[in-house]
Amino acid sequence: MYFAFTTIGFFDSMGPESVDFIMNQTELACVFTEQSYISKIIQMKKDKRAATVKFLISFDPVKPAD
């Protein structure tokens, strides 16, 4: 918030359609996340969703498969 960036929270109860809608509305380019969500976002990209996302930054070590 110090740099006037928008902070958006995603919750487990939100489906891919809801998350994709928010990402597109906010033109979200960078996602800071934990390891468990990396594969979900990668799958969204494969499904032609999360079009604006360019960077994934993990708080945890990333699995080689991801």
PDB file of N, CA and C in Angstrom:
ATOM      1  N   MET A   1       0.814  -1.190   0.000  1.00  0.00           N
ATOM      2  CA  MET A   1       0.000   0.000   0.000  1.00  0.00           C
ATOM      3  C   MET A   1       0.860   1.258   0.000  1.00  0.00           C
ATOM      4  N   TYR A   2       2.063   1.128   0.526  1.00  0.00           N
ATOM      5  CA  TYR A   2       2.986   2.250   0.558  1.00  0.00           C
ATOM      6  C   TYR A   2       3.268   2.771  -0.850  1.00  0.00           C
ATOM      7  N   PHE A   3       3.329   1.878  -1.818  1.00  0.00           N
ATOM      8  CA  PHE A   3       3.631   2.251  -3.192  1.00  0.00           C
ATOM      9  C   PHE A   3       2.378   2.444  -4.038  1.00  0.00           C
ATOM     10  N   ALA A   4       1.209   2.482  -3.401  1.00  0.00           N
ATOM     11  CA  ALA A   4      -0.083   2.682  -4.077  1.00  0.00           C
ATOM     12  C   ALA A   4      -0.432   1.511  -4.998  1.00  0.00           C
ATOM     13  N   PHE A   5       0.030   0.308  -4.631  1.00  0.00           N
ATOM     14  CA  PHE A   5      -0.350  -0.890  -5.361  1.00  0.00           C
ATOM     15  C   PHE A   5      -1.670  -1.399  -4.798  1.00  0.00           C
ATOM     16  N   THR A   6      -2.415  -2.111  -5.601  1.00  0.00           N
ATOM     17  CA  THR A   6      -3.676  -2.688  -5.155  1.00  0.00           C
ATOM     18  C   THR A   6      -3.426  -4.064  -4.568  1.00  0.00           C
ATOM     19  N   THR A   7      -3.990  -4.310  -3.407  1.00  0.00           N
ATOM     20  CA  THR A   7      -3.890  -5.612  -2.760  1.00  0.00           C
ATOM     21  C   THR A   7      -5.217  -6.335  -2.914  1.00  0.00           C
ATOM     22  N   ILE A   8      -5.155  -7.564  -3.393  1.00  0.00           N
ATOM     23  CA  ILE A   8      -6.369  -8.341  -3.627  1.00  0.00           C
ATOM     24  C   ILE A   8      -6.218  -9.680  -2.914  1.00  0.00           C
ATOM     25  N   GLY A   9      -7.243 -10.057  -2.170  1.00  0.00           N
ATOM     26  CA  GLY A   9      -7.223 -11.345  -1.489  1.00  0.00           C
ATOM     27  C   GLY A   9      -8.084 -12.350  -2.231  1.00  0.00           C
ATOM     28  N   PHE A  10      -7.548 -13.541  -2.443  1.00  0.00           N
ATOM     29  CA  PHE A  10      -8.312 -14.633  -3.031  1.00  0.00           C
ATOM     30  C   PHE A  10      -8.520 -15.684  -1.953  1.00  0.00           C
ATOM     31  N   PHE A  11      -9.683 -16.307  -1.965  1.00  0.00           N
ATOM     32  CA  PHE A  11     -10.043 -17.261  -0.931  1.00  0.00           C
ATOM     33  C   PHE A  11     -10.324 -18.624  -1.542  1.00  0.00           C
ATOM     34  N   ASP A  12     -10.165 -19.671  -0.747  1.00  0.00           N
ATOM     35  CA  ASP A  12     -10.412 -21.035  -1.217  1.00  0.00           C
ATOM     36  C   ASP A  12     -11.828 -21.219  -1.734  1.00  0.00           C
ATOM     37  N   SER A  13     -12.768 -20.454  -1.203  1.00  0.00           N
ATOM     38  CA  SER A  13     -14.173 -20.597  -1.602  1.00  0.00           C
ATOM     39  C   SER A  13     -14.456 -20.001  -2.983  1.00  0.00           C
ATOM     40  N   MET A  14     -13.512 -19.236  -3.523  1.00  0.00           N
ATOM     41  CA  MET A  14     -13.695 -18.626  -4.839  1.00  0.00           C
ATOM     42  C   MET A  14     -13.304 -19.616  -5.929  1.00  0.00           C
ATOM     43  N   GLY A  15     -14.136 -19.754  -6.928  1.00  0.00           N
ATOM     44  CA  GLY A  15     -13.841 -20.631  -8.052  1.00  0.00           C
ATOM     45  C   GLY A  15     -12.962 -19.937  -9.079  1.00  0.00           C
ATOM     46  N   PRO A  16     -12.460 -20.698 -10.056  1.00  0.00           N
ATOM     47  CA  PRO A  16     -11.600 -20.113 -11.087  1.00  0.00           C
ATOM     48  C   PRO A  16     -12.274 -18.981 -11.866  1.00  0.00           C
ATOM     49  N   GLU A  17     -13.585 -19.065 -12.064  1.00  0.00           N
ATOM     50  CA  GLU A  17     -14.293 -18.013 -12.799  1.00  0.00           C
ATOM     51  C   GLU A  17     -14.250 -16.688 -12.041  1.00  0.00           C
ATOM     52  N   SER A  18     -14.458 -16.760 -10.723  1.00  0.00           N
ATOM     53  CA  SER A  18     -14.434 -15.556  -9.896  1.00  0.00           C
ATOM     54  C   SER A  18     -13.039 -14.949  -9.842  1.00  0.00           C
ATOM     55  N   VAL A  19     -12.039 -15.808  -9.658  1.00  0.00           N
ATOM     56  CA  VAL A  19     -10.654 -15.336  -9.593  1.00  0.00           C
ATOM     57  C   VAL A  19     -10.260 -14.723 -10.937  1.00  0.00           C
ATOM     58  N   ASP A  20     -10.623 -15.373 -12.033  1.00  0.00           N
ATOM     59  CA  ASP A  20     -10.312 -14.852 -13.363  1.00  0.00           C
ATOM     60  C   ASP A  20     -10.972 -13.499 -13.589  1.00  0.00           C
ATOM     61  N   PHE A  21     -12.214 -13.349 -13.169  1.00  0.00           N
ATOM     62  CA  PHE A  21     -12.927 -12.076 -13.322  1.00  0.00           C
ATOM     63  C   PHE A  21     -12.189 -10.964 -12.581  1.00  0.00           C
ATOM     64  N   ILE A  22     -11.782 -11.228 -11.353  1.00  0.00           N
ATOM     65  CA  ILE A  22     -11.073 -10.216 -10.561  1.00  0.00           C
ATOM     66  C   ILE A  22      -9.725  -9.887 -11.185  1.00  0.00           C
ATOM     67  N   MET A  23      -9.009 -10.905 -11.641  1.00  0.00           N
ATOM     68  CA  MET A  23      -7.708 -10.668 -12.276  1.00  0.00           C
ATOM     69  C   MET A  23      -7.860  -9.782 -13.507  1.00  0.00           C
ATOM     70  N   ASN A  24      -8.871 -10.045 -14.315  1.00  0.00           N
ATOM     71  CA  ASN A  24      -9.082  -9.249 -15.524  1.00  0.00           C
ATOM     72  C   ASN A  24      -9.529  -7.829 -15.199  1.00  0.00           C
ATOM     73  N   GLN A  25     -10.406  -7.666 -14.224  1.00  0.00           N
ATOM     74  CA  GLN A  25     -10.896  -6.343 -13.858  1.00  0.00           C
ATOM     75  C   GLN A  25      -9.789  -5.453 -13.306  1.00  0.00           C
ATOM     76  N   THR A  26      -8.863  -6.052 -12.568  1.00  0.00           N
ATOM     77  CA  THR A  26      -7.781  -5.285 -11.948  1.00  0.00           C
ATOM     78  C   THR A  26      -6.506  -5.268 -12.793  1.00  0.00           C
ATOM     79  N   GLU A  27      -6.526  -6.003 -13.915  1.00  0.00           N
ATOM     80  CA  GLU A  27      -5.348  -6.136 -14.780  1.00  0.00           C
ATOM     81  C   GLU A  27      -4.137  -6.613 -13.986  1.00  0.00           C
ATOM     82  N   LEU A  28      -4.384  -7.594 -13.138  1.00  0.00           N
ATOM     83  CA  LEU A  28      -3.377  -8.138 -12.244  1.00  0.00           C
ATOM     84  C   LEU A  28      -2.245  -8.776 -13.042  1.00  0.00           C
ATOM     85  N   ALA A  29      -1.023  -8.318 -12.820  1.00  0.00           N
ATOM     86  CA  ALA A  29       0.127  -8.833 -13.558  1.00  0.00           C
ATOM     87  C   ALA A  29       1.037  -9.691 -12.686  1.00  0.00           C
ATOM     88  N   CYS A  30       1.024  -9.464 -11.385  1.00  0.00           N
ATOM     89  CA  CYS A  30       1.937 -10.150 -10.482  1.00  0.00           C
ATOM     90  C   CYS A  30       1.154 -10.757  -9.323  1.00  0.00           C
ATOM     91  N   VAL A  31       1.404 -12.044  -9.048  1.00  0.00           N
ATOM     92  CA  VAL A  31       0.714 -12.740  -7.969  1.00  0.00           C
ATOM     93  C   VAL A  31       1.753 -13.236  -6.972  1.00  0.00           C
ATOM     94  N   PHE A  32       1.603 -12.833  -5.719  1.00  0.00           N
ATOM     95  CA  PHE A  32       2.399 -13.349  -4.621  1.00  0.00           C
ATOM     96  C   PHE A  32       1.557 -14.422  -3.951  1.00  0.00           C
ATOM     97  N   THR A  33       2.085 -15.626  -3.849  1.00  0.00           N
ATOM     98  CA  THR A  33       1.265 -16.728  -3.360  1.00  0.00           C
ATOM     99  C   THR A  33       2.112 -17.772  -2.641  1.00  0.00           C
ATOM    100  N   GLU A  34       1.426 -18.708  -2.018  1.00  0.00           N
ATOM    101  CA  GLU A  34       2.112 -19.847  -1.420  1.00  0.00           C
ATOM    102  C   GLU A  34       2.117 -21.002  -2.412  1.00  0.00           C
ATOM    103  N   GLN A  35       2.939 -21.999  -2.143  1.00  0.00           N
ATOM    104  CA  GLN A  35       3.144 -23.107  -3.070  1.00  0.00           C
ATOM    105  C   GLN A  35       1.849 -23.781  -3.508  1.00  0.00           C
ATOM    106  N   SER A  36       0.895 -23.937  -2.615  1.00  0.00           N
ATOM    107  CA  SER A  36      -0.319 -24.688  -2.949  1.00  0.00           C
ATOM    108  C   SER A  36      -1.149 -24.045  -4.057  1.00  0.00           C
ATOM    109  N   TYR A  37      -0.969 -22.765  -4.312  1.00  0.00           N
ATOM    110  CA  TYR A  37      -1.749 -22.088  -5.344  1.00  0.00           C
ATOM    111  C   TYR A  37      -1.017 -21.961  -6.685  1.00  0.00           C
ATOM    112  N   ILE A  38       0.268 -22.259  -6.696  1.00  0.00           N
ATOM    113  CA  ILE A  38       1.037 -22.163  -7.945  1.00  0.00           C
ATOM    114  C   ILE A  38       0.420 -23.046  -9.024  1.00  0.00           C
ATOM    115  N   SER A  39       0.138 -24.305  -8.697  1.00  0.00           N
ATOM    116  CA  SER A  39      -0.412 -25.220  -9.699  1.00  0.00           C
ATOM    117  C   SER A  39      -1.806 -24.782 -10.149  1.00  0.00           C
ATOM    118  N   LYS A  40      -2.585 -24.189  -9.258  1.00  0.00           N
ATOM    119  CA  LYS A  40      -3.918 -23.708  -9.627  1.00  0.00           C
ATOM    120  C   LYS A  40      -3.829 -22.567 -10.637  1.00  0.00           C
ATOM    121  N   ILE A  41      -2.902 -21.658 -10.419  1.00  0.00           N
ATOM    122  CA  ILE A  41      -2.743 -20.527 -11.341  1.00  0.00           C
ATOM    123  C   ILE A  41      -2.168 -21.002 -12.667  1.00  0.00           C
ATOM    124  N   ILE A  42      -1.243 -21.948 -12.625  1.00  0.00           N
ATOM    125  CA  ILE A  42      -0.695 -22.512 -13.868  1.00  0.00           C
ATOM    126  C   ILE A  42      -1.810 -23.185 -14.668  1.00  0.00           C
ATOM    127  N   GLN A  43      -2.686 -23.924 -13.975  1.00  0.00           N
ATOM    128  CA  GLN A  43      -3.807 -24.564 -14.665  1.00  0.00           C
ATOM    129  C   GLN A  43      -4.746 -23.516 -15.256  1.00  0.00           C
ATOM    130  N   MET A  44      -4.969 -22.430 -14.553  1.00  0.00           N
ATOM    131  CA  MET A  44      -5.807 -21.355 -15.091  1.00  0.00           C
ATOM    132  C   MET A  44      -5.204 -20.802 -16.382  1.00  0.00           C
ATOM    133  N   LYS A  45      -3.875 -20.618 -16.405  1.00  0.00           N
ATOM    134  CA  LYS A  45      -3.203 -20.130 -17.616  1.00  0.00           C
ATOM    135  C   LYS A  45      -3.386 -21.127 -18.772  1.00  0.00           C
ATOM    136  N   LYS A  46      -3.279 -22.420 -18.477  1.00  0.00           N
ATOM    137  CA  LYS A  46      -3.473 -23.443 -19.508  1.00  0.00           C
ATOM    138  C   LYS A  46      -4.897 -23.435 -20.042  1.00  0.00           C
ATOM    139  N   ASP A  47      -5.859 -23.070 -19.176  1.00  0.00           N
ATOM    140  CA  ASP A  47      -7.266 -23.005 -19.561  1.00  0.00           C
ATOM    141  C   ASP A  47      -7.645 -21.652 -20.170  1.00  0.00           C
ATOM    142  N   LYS A  48      -6.646 -20.870 -20.552  1.00  0.00           N
ATOM    143  CA  LYS A  48      -6.849 -19.551 -21.179  1.00  0.00           C
ATOM    144  C   LYS A  48      -7.515 -18.558 -20.230  1.00  0.00           C
ATOM    145  N   ARG A  49      -7.233 -18.683 -18.943  1.00  0.00           N
ATOM    146  CA  ARG A  49      -7.687 -17.731 -17.941  1.00  0.00           C
ATOM    147  C   ARG A  49      -6.467 -17.017 -17.388  1.00  0.00           C
ATOM    148  N   ALA A  50      -6.695 -16.054 -16.514  1.00  0.00           N
ATOM    149  CA  ALA A  50      -5.603 -15.299 -15.891  1.00  0.00           C
ATOM    150  C   ALA A  50      -4.682 -14.704 -16.959  1.00  0.00           C
ATOM    151  N   ALA A  51      -5.297 -14.148 -17.984  1.00  0.00           N
ATOM    152  CA  ALA A  51      -4.547 -13.651 -19.144  1.00  0.00           C
ATOM    153  C   ALA A  51      -3.572 -12.531 -18.796  1.00  0.00           C
ATOM    154  N   THR A  52      -3.872 -11.743 -17.780  1.00  0.00           N
ATOM    155  CA  THR A  52      -3.023 -10.597 -17.462  1.00  0.00           C
ATOM    156  C   THR A  52      -1.844 -10.966 -16.571  1.00  0.00           C
ATOM    157  N   VAL A  53      -1.866 -12.152 -15.967  1.00  0.00           N
ATOM    158  CA  VAL A  53      -0.806 -12.568 -15.040  1.00  0.00           C
ATOM    159  C   VAL A  53       0.463 -12.900 -15.806  1.00  0.00           C
ATOM    160  N   LYS A  54       1.558 -12.257 -15.395  1.00  0.00           N
ATOM    161  CA  LYS A  54       2.853 -12.479 -16.037  1.00  0.00           C
ATOM    162  C   LYS A  54       3.885 -13.034 -15.064  1.00  0.00           C
ATOM    163  N   PHE A  55       3.691 -12.766 -13.767  1.00  0.00           N
ATOM    164  CA  PHE A  55       4.680 -13.161 -12.765  1.00  0.00           C
ATOM    165  C   PHE A  55       4.002 -13.879 -11.605  1.00  0.00           C
ATOM    166  N   LEU A  56       4.597 -14.998 -11.184  1.00  0.00           N
ATOM    167  CA  LEU A  56       4.174 -15.714  -9.982  1.00  0.00           C
ATOM    168  C   LEU A  56       5.342 -15.682  -9.011  1.00  0.00           C
ATOM    169  N   ILE A  57       5.104 -15.171  -7.833  1.00  0.00           N
ATOM    170  CA  ILE A  57       6.140 -15.108  -6.813  1.00  0.00           C
ATOM    171  C   ILE A  57       5.667 -15.931  -5.636  1.00  0.00           C
ATOM    172  N   SER A  58       6.444 -16.965  -5.299  1.00  0.00           N
ATOM    173  CA  SER A  58       6.058 -17.899  -4.256  1.00  0.00           C
ATOM    174  C   SER A  58       6.747 -17.547  -2.943  1.00  0.00           C
ATOM    175  N   PHE A  59       5.973 -17.619  -1.853  1.00  0.00           N
ATOM    176  CA  PHE A  59       6.529 -17.431  -0.516  1.00  0.00           C
ATOM    177  C   PHE A  59       7.285 -18.685  -0.065  1.00  0.00           C
ATOM    178  N   ASP A  60       7.019 -19.795  -0.721  1.00  0.00           N
ATOM    179  CA  ASP A  60       7.595 -21.090  -0.367  1.00  0.00           C
ATOM    180  C   ASP A  60       8.517 -21.568  -1.487  1.00  0.00           C
ATOM    181  N   PRO A  61       9.358 -22.569  -1.200  1.00  0.00           N
ATOM    182  CA  PRO A  61      10.142 -23.172  -2.278  1.00  0.00           C
ATOM    183  C   PRO A  61       9.203 -23.755  -3.353  1.00  0.00           C
ATOM    184  N   VAL A  62       9.592 -23.614  -4.592  1.00  0.00           N
ATOM    185  CA  VAL A  62       8.771 -24.107  -5.702  1.00  0.00           C
ATOM    186  C   VAL A  62       9.208 -25.512  -6.072  1.00  0.00           C
ATOM    187  N   LYS A  63       8.226 -26.391  -6.272  1.00  0.00           N
ATOM    188  CA  LYS A  63       8.523 -27.764  -6.679  1.00  0.00           C
ATOM    189  C   LYS A  63       9.067 -27.763  -8.100  1.00  0.00           C
ATOM    190  N   PRO A  64      10.035 -28.612  -8.404  1.00  0.00           N
ATOM    191  CA  PRO A  64      10.571 -28.673  -9.761  1.00  0.00           C
ATOM    192  C   PRO A  64       9.508 -28.931 -10.826  1.00  0.00           C
ATOM    193  N   ALA A  65       8.471 -29.674 -10.486  1.00  0.00           N
ATOM    194  CA  ALA A  65       7.404 -29.961 -11.455  1.00  0.00           C
ATOM    195  C   ALA A  65       6.646 -28.696 -11.866  1.00  0.00           C
ATOM    196  N   ASP A  66       6.582 -27.724 -10.973  1.00  0.00           N
ATOM    197  CA  ASP A  66       5.891 -26.472 -11.279  1.00  0.00           C
ATOM    198  C   ASP A  66       6.797 -25.504 -12.014  1.00  0.00           C
TER     199      ASP A  66
END
